C-alpha atoms as a PDB file:
ATOM      1  CA  UNK A   1      45.354  -4.985 -36.528  1.00  0.00           C
ATOM      2  CA  UNK A   2      45.843  -3.023 -33.274  1.00  0.00           C
ATOM      3  CA  UNK A   3      47.030   0.086 -35.129  1.00  0.00           C
ATOM      4  CA  UNK A   4      43.719   1.700 -36.059  1.00  0.00           C
ATOM      5  CA  UNK A   5      42.547   4.540 -33.865  1.00  0.00           C
ATOM      6  CA  UNK A   6      39.863   2.635 -32.231  1.00  0.00           C
ATOM      7  CA  UNK A   7      41.812  -0.511 -32.004  1.00  0.00           C
ATOM      8  CA  UNK A   8      44.939   0.857 -30.186  1.00  0.00           C
ATOM      9  CA  UNK A   9      44.942   1.795 -26.334  1.00  0.00           C
ATOM     10  CA  UNK A  10      45.390   5.488 -26.669  1.00  0.00           C
ATOM     11  CA  UNK A  11      42.989   7.858 -24.644  1.00  0.00           C
ATOM     12  CA  UNK A  12      40.161   9.254 -26.754  1.00  0.00           C
ATOM     13  CA  UNK A  13      37.290  10.582 -24.965  1.00  0.00           C
ATOM     14  CA  UNK A  14      37.856  13.096 -22.419  1.00  0.00           C
ATOM     15  CA  UNK A  15      36.958  16.423 -20.611  1.00  0.00           C
ATOM     16  CA  UNK A  16      37.419  19.803 -22.459  1.00  0.00           C
ATOM     17  CA  UNK A  17      40.797  21.522 -21.476  1.00  0.00           C
ATOM     18  CA  UNK A  18      40.210  23.919 -18.777  1.00  0.00           C
ATOM     19  CA  UNK A  19      37.020  21.974 -17.370  1.00  0.00           C
ATOM     20  CA  UNK A  20      36.266  22.506 -13.598  1.00  0.00           C
ATOM     21  CA  UNK A  21      37.929  19.767 -11.606  1.00  0.00           C
ATOM     22  CA  UNK A  22      34.560  18.560 -10.383  1.00  0.00           C
ATOM     23  CA  UNK A  23      33.308  18.070 -14.016  1.00  0.00           C
ATOM     24  CA  UNK A  24      36.677  16.372 -15.105  1.00  0.00           C
ATOM     25  CA  UNK A  25      36.604  14.083 -12.152  1.00  0.00           C
ATOM     26  CA  UNK A  26      33.069  12.997 -12.964  1.00  0.00           C
ATOM     27  CA  UNK A  27      33.895  12.142 -16.416  1.00  0.00           C
ATOM     28  CA  UNK A  28      36.916   9.993 -15.410  1.00  0.00           C
ATOM     29  CA  UNK A  29      38.615  11.782 -18.297  1.00  0.00           C
ATOM     30  CA  UNK A  30      42.501  11.346 -19.088  1.00  0.00           C
ATOM     31  CA  UNK A  31      44.275  14.661 -19.514  1.00  0.00           C
ATOM     32  CA  UNK A  32      45.664  13.703 -22.999  1.00  0.00           C
ATOM     33  CA  UNK A  33      42.307  12.894 -24.710  1.00  0.00           C
ATOM     34  CA  UNK A  34      41.479  13.885 -28.100  1.00  0.00           C
ATOM     35  CA  UNK A  35      37.996  15.073 -28.037  1.00  0.00           C
ATOM     36  CA  UNK A  36      34.809  15.438 -25.753  1.00  0.00           C
ATOM     37  CA  UNK A  37      31.258  14.229 -26.458  1.00  0.00           C
ATOM     38  CA  UNK A  38      28.080  15.347 -24.622  1.00  0.00           C
ATOM     39  CA  UNK A  39      27.968  12.730 -21.692  1.00  0.00           C
ATOM     40  CA  UNK A  40      31.516  13.569 -20.798  1.00  0.00           C
ATOM     41  CA  UNK A  41      30.800  17.420 -20.627  1.00  0.00           C
ATOM     42  CA  UNK A  42      28.106  17.045 -18.174  1.00  0.00           C
ATOM     43  CA  UNK A  43      25.776  14.404 -16.607  1.00  0.00           C
ATOM     44  CA  UNK A  44      22.560  16.525 -17.348  1.00  0.00           C
ATOM     45  CA  UNK A  45      22.840  15.227 -20.890  1.00  0.00           C
ATOM     46  CA  UNK A  46      22.105  11.654 -19.910  1.00  0.00           C
ATOM     47  CA  UNK A  47      19.655  12.921 -17.235  1.00  0.00           C
ATOM     48  CA  UNK A  48      17.605  14.851 -19.898  1.00  0.00           C
ATOM     49  CA  UNK A  49      17.949  11.898 -22.547  1.00  0.00           C
ATOM     50  CA  UNK A  50      16.535   9.694 -19.765  1.00  0.00           C
ATOM     51  CA  UNK A  51      13.203  11.294 -19.734  1.00  0.00           C
ATOM     52  CA  UNK A  52      12.915  10.420 -23.555  1.00  0.00           C
ATOM     53  CA  UNK A  53      14.063   6.993 -23.099  1.00  0.00           C
ATOM     54  CA  UNK A  54      11.605   6.417 -20.157  1.00  0.00           C
ATOM     55  CA  UNK A  55       8.870   7.700 -22.489  1.00  0.00           C
ATOM     56  CA  UNK A  56       9.890   5.465 -25.335  1.00  0.00           C
ATOM     57  CA  UNK A  57      10.112   2.401 -23.150  1.00  0.00           C
ATOM     58  CA  UNK A  58       6.580   2.764 -21.995  1.00  0.00           C
ATOM     59  CA  UNK A  59       5.208   3.862 -25.545  1.00  0.00           C
ATOM     60  CA  UNK A  60       6.784   0.872 -27.171  1.00  0.00           C
ATOM     61  CA  UNK A  61       6.104  -1.579 -24.419  1.00  0.00           C
ATOM     62  CA  UNK A  62       9.739  -2.739 -24.169  1.00  0.00           C
ATOM     63  CA  UNK A  63      12.022  -3.183 -21.328  1.00  0.00           C
ATOM     64  CA  UNK A  64      15.707  -3.107 -22.934  1.00  0.00           C
ATOM     65  CA  UNK A  65      18.022  -0.449 -24.212  1.00  0.00           C
ATOM     66  CA  UNK A  66      20.630  -0.980 -26.541  1.00  0.00           C
ATOM     67  CA  UNK A  67      23.577   1.574 -27.025  1.00  0.00           C
ATOM     68  CA  UNK A  68      25.940   1.414 -29.787  1.00  0.00           C
ATOM     69  CA  UNK A  69      29.398   3.155 -29.484  1.00  0.00           C
ATOM     70  CA  UNK A  70      29.162   3.805 -25.764  1.00  0.00           C
ATOM     71  CA  UNK A  71      32.468   5.672 -25.557  1.00  0.00           C
ATOM     72  CA  UNK A  72      33.949   5.809 -21.939  1.00  0.00           C
ATOM     73  CA  UNK A  73      30.287   4.292 -20.616  1.00  0.00           C
ATOM     74  CA  UNK A  74      29.287   7.960 -19.211  1.00  0.00           C
ATOM     75  CA  UNK A  75      26.055   8.166 -20.921  1.00  0.00           C
ATOM     76  CA  UNK A  76      25.210   4.570 -19.834  1.00  0.00           C
ATOM     77  CA  UNK A  77      26.165   5.595 -16.226  1.00  0.00           C
ATOM     78  CA  UNK A  78      24.113   8.818 -16.217  1.00  0.00           C
ATOM     79  CA  UNK A  79      21.093   7.136 -17.999  1.00  0.00           C
ATOM     80  CA  UNK A  80      20.963   4.213 -15.773  1.00  0.00           C
ATOM     81  CA  UNK A  81      21.158   6.462 -12.748  1.00  0.00           C
ATOM     82  CA  UNK A  82      18.310   8.863 -13.969  1.00  0.00           C
ATOM     83  CA  UNK A  83      16.169   5.966 -15.028  1.00  0.00           C
ATOM     84  CA  UNK A  84      16.527   4.277 -11.368  1.00  0.00           C
ATOM     85  CA  UNK A  85      15.582   7.359  -9.733  1.00  0.00           C
ATOM     86  CA  UNK A  86      12.488   7.633 -11.938  1.00  0.00           C
ATOM     87  CA  UNK A  87      11.555   4.084 -11.191  1.00  0.00           C
ATOM     88  CA  UNK A  88      11.999   3.007 -15.071  1.00  0.00           C
ATOM     89  CA  UNK A  89      15.071   0.803 -14.956  1.00  0.00           C
ATOM     90  CA  UNK A  90      15.232  -1.370 -18.043  1.00  0.00           C
ATOM     91  CA  UNK A  91      15.609  -5.129 -17.568  1.00  0.00           C
ATOM     92  CA  UNK A  92      18.874  -5.159 -19.525  1.00  0.00           C
ATOM     93  CA  UNK A  93      21.068  -2.422 -21.013  1.00  0.00           C
ATOM     94  CA  UNK A  94      23.176  -3.749 -23.876  1.00  0.00           C
ATOM     95  CA  UNK A  95      26.191  -2.154 -25.208  1.00  0.00           C
ATOM     96  CA  UNK A  96      27.468  -2.776 -28.729  1.00  0.00           C
ATOM     97  CA  UNK A  97      31.164  -1.870 -28.823  1.00  0.00           C
ATOM     98  CA  UNK A  98      33.819  -2.584 -31.428  1.00  0.00           C
ATOM     99  CA  UNK A  99      36.691  -1.166 -29.469  1.00  0.00           C
ATOM    100  CA  UNK A 100      38.414  -3.409 -27.010  1.00  0.00           C
ATOM    101  CA  UNK A 101      40.102  -0.674 -25.003  1.00  0.00           C
ATOM    102  CA  UNK A 102      36.950   1.194 -24.675  1.00  0.00           C
ATOM    103  CA  UNK A 103      34.828  -1.806 -23.754  1.00  0.00           C
ATOM    104  CA  UNK A 104      37.243  -2.278 -20.798  1.00  0.00           C
ATOM    105  CA  UNK A 105      36.856   1.407 -19.845  1.00  0.00           C
ATOM    106  CA  UNK A 106      33.077   0.787 -19.917  1.00  0.00           C
ATOM    107  CA  UNK A 107      33.195  -2.461 -17.887  1.00  0.00           C
ATOM    108  CA  UNK A 108      35.223  -0.625 -15.191  1.00  0.00           C
ATOM    109  CA  UNK A 109      32.801   2.341 -15.122  1.00  0.00           C
ATOM    110  CA  UNK A 110      29.677   0.522 -15.132  1.00  0.00           C
ATOM    111  CA  UNK A 111      30.806  -2.384 -12.805  1.00  0.00           C
ATOM    112  CA  UNK A 112      27.942  -1.576 -10.239  1.00  0.00           C
ATOM    113  CA  UNK A 113      25.415  -2.087 -12.921  1.00  0.00           C
ATOM    114  CA  UNK A 114      26.531  -5.684 -13.992  1.00  0.00           C
ATOM    115  CA  UNK A 115      24.860  -7.917 -14.875  1.00  0.00           C
ATOM    116  CA  UNK A 116      22.095  -5.618 -15.937  1.00  0.00           C
ATOM    117  CA  UNK A 117      24.620  -4.018 -18.240  1.00  0.00           C
ATOM    118  CA  UNK A 118      25.782  -6.539 -21.027  1.00  0.00           C
ATOM    119  CA  UNK A 119      28.133  -6.439 -23.897  1.00  0.00           C
ATOM    120  CA  UNK A 120      27.132  -7.683 -27.429  1.00  0.00           C
ATOM    121  CA  UNK A 121      29.058  -7.984 -30.753  1.00  0.00           C
ATOM    122  CA  UNK A 122      26.151  -8.260 -32.752  1.00  0.00           C
ATOM    123  CA  UNK A 123      22.391  -7.480 -33.159  1.00  0.00           C
ATOM    124  CA  UNK A 124      19.863 -10.542 -32.331  1.00  0.00           C
ATOM    125  CA  UNK A 125      17.563 -11.372 -35.267  1.00  0.00           C
ATOM    126  CA  UNK A 126      14.577 -10.063 -33.449  1.00  0.00           C
ATOM    127  CA  UNK A 127      14.952  -6.747 -31.275  1.00  0.00           C
ATOM    128  CA  UNK A 128      12.454  -5.298 -28.895  1.00  0.00           C
ATOM    129  CA  UNK A 129      14.080  -2.182 -27.351  1.00  0.00           C
ATOM    130  CA  UNK A 130      14.962   1.479 -27.382  1.00  0.00           C
ATOM    131  CA  UNK A 131      18.196   2.019 -29.368  1.00  0.00           C
ATOM    132  CA  UNK A 132      20.640   4.924 -28.693  1.00  0.00           C
ATOM    133  CA  UNK A 133      23.700   6.092 -30.665  1.00  0.00           C
ATOM    134  CA  UNK A 134      25.332   9.230 -29.760  1.00  0.00           C
ATOM    135  CA  UNK A 135      28.192  10.270 -32.107  1.00  0.00           C
ATOM    136  CA  UNK A 136      28.056   6.966 -33.745  1.00  0.00           C
ATOM    137  CA  UNK A 137      27.175   7.671 -37.305  1.00  0.00           C
ATOM    138  CA  UNK A 138      29.984  10.278 -37.880  1.00  0.00           C
ATOM    139  CA  UNK A 139      32.664   7.747 -36.859  1.00  0.00           C
ATOM    140  CA  UNK A 140      31.471   5.070 -39.612  1.00  0.00           C
ATOM    141  CA  UNK A 141      33.369   4.836 -42.976  1.00  0.00           C
ATOM    142  CA  UNK A 142      32.402   7.224 -45.842  1.00  0.00           C
ATOM    143  CA  UNK A 143      33.466   7.145 -49.595  1.00  0.00           C
ATOM    144  CA  UNK A 144      34.840  10.394 -50.901  1.00  0.00           C
ATOM    145  CA  UNK A 145      33.588  11.505 -54.192  1.00  0.00           C
ATOM    146  CA  UNK A 146      35.134  14.531 -56.189  1.00  0.00           C
ATOM    147  CA  UNK A 147      34.109  16.322 -59.171  1.00  0.00           C
ATOM    148  CA  UNK A 148      37.370  17.564 -61.148  1.00  0.00           C
ATOM    149  CA  UNK A 149      36.795  19.302 -64.546  1.00  0.00           C
ATOM    150  CA  UNK A 150      33.032  18.217 -64.540  1.00  0.00           C
ATOM    151  CA  UNK A 151      33.975  14.646 -64.132  1.00  0.00           C
ATOM    152  CA  UNK A 152      33.046  12.525 -61.067  1.00  0.00           C
ATOM    153  CA  UNK A 153      35.889  10.480 -59.235  1.00  0.00           C
ATOM    154  CA  UNK A 154      36.046   8.399 -56.357  1.00  0.00           C
ATOM    155  CA  UNK A 155      38.808   9.353 -53.991  1.00  0.00           C
ATOM    156  CA  UNK A 156      40.875   6.453 -52.564  1.00  0.00           C
ATOM    157  CA  UNK A 157      44.354   6.078 -51.002  1.00  0.00           C
ATOM    158  CA  UNK A 158      47.528   4.835 -52.560  1.00  0.00           C
ATOM    159  CA  UNK A 159      50.864   4.091 -50.943  1.00  0.00           C
ATOM    160  CA  UNK A 160      53.848   6.320 -52.110  1.00  0.00           C
ATOM    161  CA  UNK A 161      57.511   6.130 -51.141  1.00  0.00           C
ATOM    162  CA  UNK A 162      57.259   2.953 -49.000  1.00  0.00           C
ATOM    163  CA  UNK A 163      60.533   1.863 -48.022  1.00  0.00           C
ATOM    164  CA  UNK A 164      61.999   5.415 -48.251  1.00  0.00           C
ATOM    165  CA  UNK A 165      61.485   6.317 -44.606  1.00  0.00           C
ATOM    166  CA  UNK A 166      58.517   8.299 -45.261  1.00  0.00           C
ATOM    167  CA  UNK A 167      56.690   9.010 -42.164  1.00  0.00           C
ATOM    168  CA  UNK A 168      53.256   9.451 -43.810  1.00  0.00           C
ATOM    169  CA  UNK A 169      53.512   7.355 -47.078  1.00  0.00           C
ATOM    170  CA  UNK A 170      49.710   7.731 -47.996  1.00  0.00           C
ATOM    171  CA  UNK A 171      48.527   9.890 -50.974  1.00  0.00           C
ATOM    172  CA  UNK A 172      45.085  10.473 -52.574  1.00  0.00           C
ATOM    173  CA  UNK A 173      44.334   8.672 -55.677  1.00  0.00           C
ATOM    174  CA  UNK A 174      41.348   9.574 -57.925  1.00  0.00           C
ATOM    175  CA  UNK A 175      39.571   7.230 -60.386  1.00  0.00           C
ATOM    176  CA  UNK A 176      36.339   7.822 -62.490  1.00  0.00           C
ATOM    177  CA  UNK A 177      33.049   6.523 -61.030  1.00  0.00           C
ATOM    178  CA  UNK A 178      29.482   5.949 -61.634  1.00  0.00           C
ATOM    179  CA  UNK A 179      28.931   6.731 -58.088  1.00  0.00           C
ATOM    180  CA  UNK A 180      27.102  10.106 -57.388  1.00  0.00           C
ATOM    181  CA  UNK A 181      25.757  12.118 -54.294  1.00  0.00           C
ATOM    182  CA  UNK A 182      22.178  11.752 -53.808  1.00  0.00           C
ATOM    183  CA  UNK A 183      21.461  15.373 -55.048  1.00  0.00           C
ATOM    184  CA  UNK A 184      22.590  17.227 -57.865  1.00  0.00           C
ATOM    185  CA  UNK A 185      25.381  19.827 -57.254  1.00  0.00           C
ATOM    186  CA  UNK A 186      24.754  23.003 -59.229  1.00  0.00           C
ATOM    187  CA  UNK A 187      27.648  24.484 -61.237  1.00  0.00           C
ATOM    188  CA  UNK A 188      30.689  23.095 -62.840  1.00  0.00           C
ATOM    189  CA  UNK A 189      33.325  24.188 -60.218  1.00  0.00           C
ATOM    190  CA  UNK A 190      35.412  21.191 -58.567  1.00  0.00           C
ATOM    191  CA  UNK A 191      33.541  19.760 -55.562  1.00  0.00           C
ATOM    192  CA  UNK A 192      34.620  17.339 -52.775  1.00  0.00           C
ATOM    193  CA  UNK A 193      31.803  15.357 -50.627  1.00  0.00           C
ATOM    194  CA  UNK A 194      31.005  12.164 -49.244  1.00  0.00           C
ATOM    195  CA  UNK A 195      28.423   9.308 -49.475  1.00  0.00           C
ATOM    196  CA  UNK A 196      27.484   7.199 -46.425  1.00  0.00           C
ATOM    197  CA  UNK A 197      26.573   3.632 -47.629  1.00  0.00           C
ATOM    198  CA  UNK A 198      27.729   2.315 -44.157  1.00  0.00           C
ATOM    199  CA  UNK A 199      25.725   4.513 -41.905  1.00  0.00           C
ATOM    200  CA  UNK A 200      22.604   3.747 -44.184  1.00  0.00           C
ATOM    201  CA  UNK A 201      23.373   0.047 -44.200  1.00  0.00           C
ATOM    202  CA  UNK A 202      23.493   0.114 -40.374  1.00  0.00           C
ATOM    203  CA  UNK A 203      20.032   1.955 -40.237  1.00  0.00           C
ATOM    204  CA  UNK A 204      18.665  -0.673 -42.752  1.00  0.00           C
ATOM    205  CA  UNK A 205      19.852  -3.449 -40.707  1.00  0.00           C
ATOM    206  CA  UNK A 206      18.371  -1.790 -37.696  1.00  0.00           C
ATOM    207  CA  UNK A 207      15.038  -1.721 -39.489  1.00  0.00           C
ATOM    208  CA  UNK A 208      15.091  -5.427 -40.259  1.00  0.00           C
ATOM    209  CA  UNK A 209      15.839  -6.557 -36.872  1.00  0.00           C
ATOM    210  CA  UNK A 210      13.847  -4.040 -34.744  1.00  0.00           C
ATOM    211  CA  UNK A 211      10.394  -5.896 -34.251  1.00  0.00           C
ATOM    212  CA  UNK A 212       9.205  -3.204 -31.927  1.00  0.00           C
ATOM    213  CA  UNK A 213      10.824  -0.124 -30.412  1.00  0.00           C
ATOM    214  CA  UNK A 214      12.494   2.944 -31.270  1.00  0.00           C
ATOM    215  CA  UNK A 215      15.942   4.461 -32.141  1.00  0.00           C
ATOM    216  CA  UNK A 216      17.328   7.916 -31.147  1.00  0.00           C
ATOM    217  CA  UNK A 217      20.356   8.735 -33.199  1.00  0.00           C
ATOM    218  CA  UNK A 218      22.274  12.158 -32.255  1.00  0.00           C
ATOM    219  CA  UNK A 219      25.088  13.482 -34.212  1.00  0.00           C
ATOM    220  CA  UNK A 220      26.308  16.531 -36.186  1.00  0.00           C
ATOM    221  CA  UNK A 221      25.076  16.813 -39.690  1.00  0.00           C
ATOM    222  CA  UNK A 222      22.739  18.221 -42.183  1.00  0.00           C
ATOM    223  CA  UNK A 223      19.592  17.453 -44.192  1.00  0.00           C
ATOM    224  CA  UNK A 224      20.577  16.642 -47.667  1.00  0.00           C
ATOM    225  CA  UNK A 225      19.925  20.073 -49.234  1.00  0.00           C
ATOM    226  CA  UNK A 226      22.382  21.618 -46.839  1.00  0.00           C
ATOM    227  CA  UNK A 227      24.688  18.751 -46.943  1.00  0.00           C
ATOM    228  CA  UNK A 228      25.064  18.967 -50.810  1.00  0.00           C
ATOM    229  CA  UNK A 229      25.082  22.853 -50.955  1.00  0.00           C
ATOM    230  CA  UNK A 230      26.957  24.084 -53.912  1.00  0.00           C
ATOM    231  CA  UNK A 231      29.174  26.157 -51.507  1.00  0.00           C
ATOM    232  CA  UNK A 232      30.054  23.039 -49.459  1.00  0.00           C
ATOM    233  CA  UNK A 233      32.759  22.208 -51.862  1.00  0.00           C
ATOM    234  CA  UNK A 234      35.577  20.988 -49.447  1.00  0.00           C
ATOM    235  CA  UNK A 235      33.290  17.989 -48.037  1.00  0.00           C
ATOM    236  CA  UNK A 236      33.031  17.568 -44.236  1.00  0.00           C
ATOM    237  CA  UNK A 237      35.772  15.008 -43.258  1.00  0.00           C
ATOM    238  CA  UNK A 238      37.580  16.281 -40.081  1.00  0.00           C
ATOM    239  CA  UNK A 239      40.192  15.043 -37.963  1.00  0.00           C
ATOM    240  CA  UNK A 240      40.472  15.298 -34.152  1.00  0.00           C
ATOM    241  CA  UNK A 241      43.448  14.992 -31.998  1.00  0.00           C
ATOM    242  CA  UNK A 242      44.324  16.561 -28.561  1.00  0.00           C
ATOM    243  CA  UNK A 243      41.385  18.673 -28.981  1.00  0.00           C
ATOM    244  CA  UNK A 244      42.414  20.332 -32.130  1.00  0.00           C
ATOM    245  CA  UNK A 245      41.022  19.777 -35.479  1.00  0.00           C
ATOM    246  CA  UNK A 246      42.637  19.429 -38.990  1.00  0.00           C
ATOM    247  CA  UNK A 247      41.369  18.261 -42.425  1.00  0.00           C
ATOM    248  CA  UNK A 248      44.295  15.863 -43.360  1.00  0.00           C
ATOM    249  CA  UNK A 249      43.258  12.162 -42.509  1.00  0.00           C
ATOM    250  CA  UNK A 250      46.419  10.897 -44.406  1.00  0.00           C
ATOM    251  CA  UNK A 251      48.888  12.450 -41.770  1.00  0.00           C
ATOM    252  CA  UNK A 252      49.415  10.446 -38.446  1.00  0.00           C
ATOM    253  CA  UNK A 253      47.244   7.644 -39.647  1.00  0.00           C
ATOM    254  CA  UNK A 254      45.998   5.696 -36.299  1.00  0.00           C
ATOM    255  CA  UNK A 255      46.837   8.472 -33.996  1.00  0.00           C
ATOM    256  CA  UNK A 256      43.740  10.825 -34.719  1.00  0.00           C
ATOM    257  CA  UNK A 257      39.940  10.479 -34.940  1.00  0.00           C
ATOM    258  CA  UNK A 258      38.720  10.814 -38.414  1.00  0.00           C
ATOM    259  CA  UNK A 259      35.060  11.824 -38.916  1.00  0.00           C
ATOM    260  CA  UNK A 260      32.476  13.112 -41.427  1.00  0.00           C
ATOM    261  CA  UNK A 261      29.316  14.761 -40.770  1.00  0.00           C
ATOM    262  CA  UNK A 262      25.785  12.927 -41.217  1.00  0.00           C
ATOM    263  CA  UNK A 263      23.387  13.194 -44.028  1.00  0.00           C
ATOM    264  CA  UNK A 264      20.170  12.749 -42.080  1.00  0.00           C
ATOM    265  CA  UNK A 265      17.910  12.679 -45.329  1.00  0.00           C
ATOM    266  CA  UNK A 266      19.760   9.662 -46.412  1.00  0.00           C
ATOM    267  CA  UNK A 267      19.437   8.151 -43.254  1.00  0.00           C
ATOM    268  CA  UNK A 268      15.862   8.881 -42.981  1.00  0.00           C
ATOM    269  CA  UNK A 269      15.189   7.467 -46.465  1.00  0.00           C
ATOM    270  CA  UNK A 270      17.185   4.220 -45.575  1.00  0.00           C
ATOM    271  CA  UNK A 271      15.001   3.847 -42.489  1.00  0.00           C
ATOM    272  CA  UNK A 272      11.742   4.045 -44.469  1.00  0.00           C
ATOM    273  CA  UNK A 273      12.867   1.700 -47.148  1.00  0.00           C
ATOM    274  CA  UNK A 274      13.562  -0.781 -44.247  1.00  0.00           C
ATOM    275  CA  UNK A 275      10.169  -0.374 -42.728  1.00  0.00           C
ATOM    276  CA  UNK A 276      10.946   2.296 -39.893  1.00  0.00           C
ATOM    277  CA  UNK A 277       8.804   5.358 -39.272  1.00  0.00           C
ATOM    278  CA  UNK A 278      10.611   8.792 -38.819  1.00  0.00           C
ATOM    279  CA  UNK A 279       9.012   9.955 -35.387  1.00  0.00           C
ATOM    280  CA  UNK A 280      11.021  13.062 -35.308  1.00  0.00           C
ATOM    281  CA  UNK A 281      13.912  15.279 -36.289  1.00  0.00           C
ATOM    282  CA  UNK A 282      15.255  18.424 -34.830  1.00  0.00           C
ATOM    283  CA  UNK A 283      18.470  20.117 -33.613  1.00  0.00           C
ATOM    284  CA  UNK A 284      19.997  19.094 -30.113  1.00  0.00           C
ATOM    285  CA  UNK A 285      18.821  22.241 -28.488  1.00  0.00           C
ATOM    286  CA  UNK A 286      15.267  21.728 -29.011  1.00  0.00           C
ATOM    287  CA  UNK A 287      15.440  18.098 -28.412  1.00  0.00           C
ATOM    288  CA  UNK A 288      17.254  18.561 -24.856  1.00  0.00           C
ATOM    289  CA  UNK A 289      14.779  21.504 -23.917  1.00  0.00           C
ATOM    290  CA  UNK A 290      12.034  19.445 -24.684  1.00  0.00           C
ATOM    291  CA  UNK A 291      13.324  16.717 -22.557  1.00  0.00           C
ATOM    292  CA  UNK A 292      13.553  19.086 -19.560  1.00  0.00           C
ATOM    293  CA  UNK A 293      17.246  20.157 -19.735  1.00  0.00           C
ATOM    294  CA  UNK A 294      16.733  23.753 -18.713  1.00  0.00           C
ATOM    295  CA  UNK A 295      14.719  22.684 -15.423  1.00  0.00           C
ATOM    296  CA  UNK A 296      17.674  20.262 -14.716  1.00  0.00           C
ATOM    297  CA  UNK A 297      20.092  23.057 -15.102  1.00  0.00           C
ATOM    298  CA  UNK A 298      18.273  25.247 -12.714  1.00  0.00           C
ATOM    299  CA  UNK A 299      18.755  22.563 -10.055  1.00  0.00           C
ATOM    300  CA  UNK A 300      22.379  21.933 -10.786  1.00  0.00           C
ATOM    301  CA  UNK A 301      25.727  23.713  -9.519  1.00  0.00           C
ATOM    302  CA  UNK A 302      27.117  26.581 -11.482  1.00  0.00           C
ATOM    303  CA  UNK A 303      29.895  24.662 -13.347  1.00  0.00           C
ATOM    304  CA  UNK A 304      27.491  22.021 -14.386  1.00  0.00           C
ATOM    305  CA  UNK A 305      25.044  24.834 -15.705  1.00  0.00           C
ATOM    306  CA  UNK A 306      28.023  26.372 -17.600  1.00  0.00           C
ATOM    307  CA  UNK A 307      28.810  23.121 -19.268  1.00  0.00           C
ATOM    308  CA  UNK A 308      25.152  22.128 -20.094  1.00  0.00           C
ATOM    309  CA  UNK A 309      24.635  25.490 -21.895  1.00  0.00           C
ATOM    310  CA  UNK A 310      27.238  24.218 -24.583  1.00  0.00           C
ATOM    311  CA  UNK A 311      24.763  21.595 -25.443  1.00  0.00           C
ATOM    312  CA  UNK A 312      22.101  24.093 -26.485  1.00  0.00           C
ATOM    313  CA  UNK A 313      23.817  27.366 -27.511  1.00  0.00           C
ATOM    314  CA  UNK A 314      23.547  27.750 -31.380  1.00  0.00           C
ATOM    315  CA  UNK A 315      27.361  28.560 -31.813  1.00  0.00           C
ATOM    316  CA  UNK A 316      28.191  25.618 -29.869  1.00  0.00           C
ATOM    317  CA  UNK A 317      26.418  22.060 -30.154  1.00  0.00           C
ATOM    318  CA  UNK A 318      22.706  23.331 -30.273  1.00  0.00           C
ATOM    319  CA  UNK A 319      22.394  23.825 -33.954  1.00  0.00           C
ATOM    320  CA  UNK A 320      25.038  21.730 -35.699  1.00  0.00           C
ATOM    321  CA  UNK A 321      24.061  18.680 -33.679  1.00  0.00           C
ATOM    322  CA  UNK A 322      20.608  16.889 -34.668  1.00  0.00           C
ATOM    323  CA  UNK A 323      18.495  14.078 -33.214  1.00  0.00           C
ATOM    324  CA  UNK A 324      16.429  11.657 -35.463  1.00  0.00           C
ATOM    325  CA  UNK A 325      13.972   9.376 -34.091  1.00  0.00           C
ATOM    326  CA  UNK A 326      13.150   5.977 -35.768  1.00  0.00           C
ATOM    327  CA  UNK A 327      10.153   3.673 -34.801  1.00  0.00           C
ATOM    328  CA  UNK A 328       8.683   0.549 -35.447  1.00  0.00           C
ATOM    329  CA  UNK A 329       5.030  -0.399 -34.243  1.00  0.00           C
ATOM    330  CA  UNK A 330       2.131   2.012 -33.325  1.00  0.00           C
ATOM    331  CA  UNK A 331       3.019   5.684 -33.963  1.00  0.00           C
ATOM    332  CA  UNK A 332       3.640   7.925 -31.032  1.00  0.00           C
ATOM    333  CA  UNK A 333       4.946  11.416 -30.254  1.00  0.00           C
ATOM    334  CA  UNK A 334       8.445  11.499 -28.517  1.00  0.00           C
ATOM    335  CA  UNK A 335       8.764  13.956 -26.015  1.00  0.00           C
ATOM    336  CA  UNK A 336      12.001  15.366 -27.616  1.00  0.00           C
ATOM    337  CA  UNK A 337      10.127  16.788 -30.636  1.00  0.00           C
ATOM    338  CA  UNK A 338       7.183  18.396 -29.037  1.00  0.00           C
ATOM    339  CA  UNK A 339       8.332  21.724 -30.145  1.00  0.00           C
ATOM    340  CA  UNK A 340      10.833  22.538 -33.034  1.00  0.00           C
ATOM    341  CA  UNK A 341      10.399  19.475 -35.173  1.00  0.00           C
ATOM    342  CA  UNK A 342      12.048  19.923 -38.427  1.00  0.00           C
ATOM    343  CA  UNK A 343      11.038  16.439 -40.133  1.00  0.00           C
ATOM    344  CA  UNK A 344       9.683  18.620 -42.838  1.00  0.00           C
ATOM    345  CA  UNK A 345      13.215  19.926 -43.650  1.00  0.00           C
ATOM    346  CA  UNK A 346      14.529  16.335 -44.502  1.00  0.00           C
END
């Protein structure tokens, strides 16, 4: 307790190294952060997303927003500011945050919005709301599966050299398993990948509790056929520290972020099993441009425009990041998927 990455008080979110002073100041970013997410890069992310949220609140006849894993509170701040300008301020904006240190950063940043902004530790039994999760699912635990010599194993963690002063006493430990990826992996070569029971369970719980509303989940990942492509034999687990990445989660445990890409097909199937409809799926570039990001960029200062470009450029965040919309209630067409909907790719 207190030693896990999201349990300790070390800075996590922040501006990109070399970001303009204006943007770094606007993000309230510590200099020694580990990574940056879209809301810290530019407020235009939140302003574009606000257009989708406003439409969703109207289409689903709801007046609450729930955000899971709100980071520094930047997205909530920008969304609330944009929605207020649009005259569509929700009655309540509830944040679910498991990190005590991040919750305190959020409280400080969103002090002007209290008591409209609230914090909760669990979902209510019945939810009528628009739900948001930006880079939420990639931080949820995954299980590692490795095929060695044609035999599938679950890859776990064991201790080695405890008491010998070893800085990193953790080692990989594999055992045969009946678990399998949700798609067949062609070939007999060794293959490392992940399955996502926690993320899919989260979506199923959401489906059980959401009586009326919609959920928008934004994250990096692939549909199933790309996720379990035969050539993706090293898996997707990555670590982030000081804006550098590596692939060794057993080193410096508790001091760096550990993530895995999202299998959006698995999420969509879990959602449908729980009674949710898939309202749309596309890459972040199409979604944000459908929500008017380009128009917002034209009205912004040059540093803000440059930062916003990273959200939609194919070699930056535009293609790797995806958006999926899930809904409960009458079907409707979300603004963000008006062009470039890739639901058929799931």
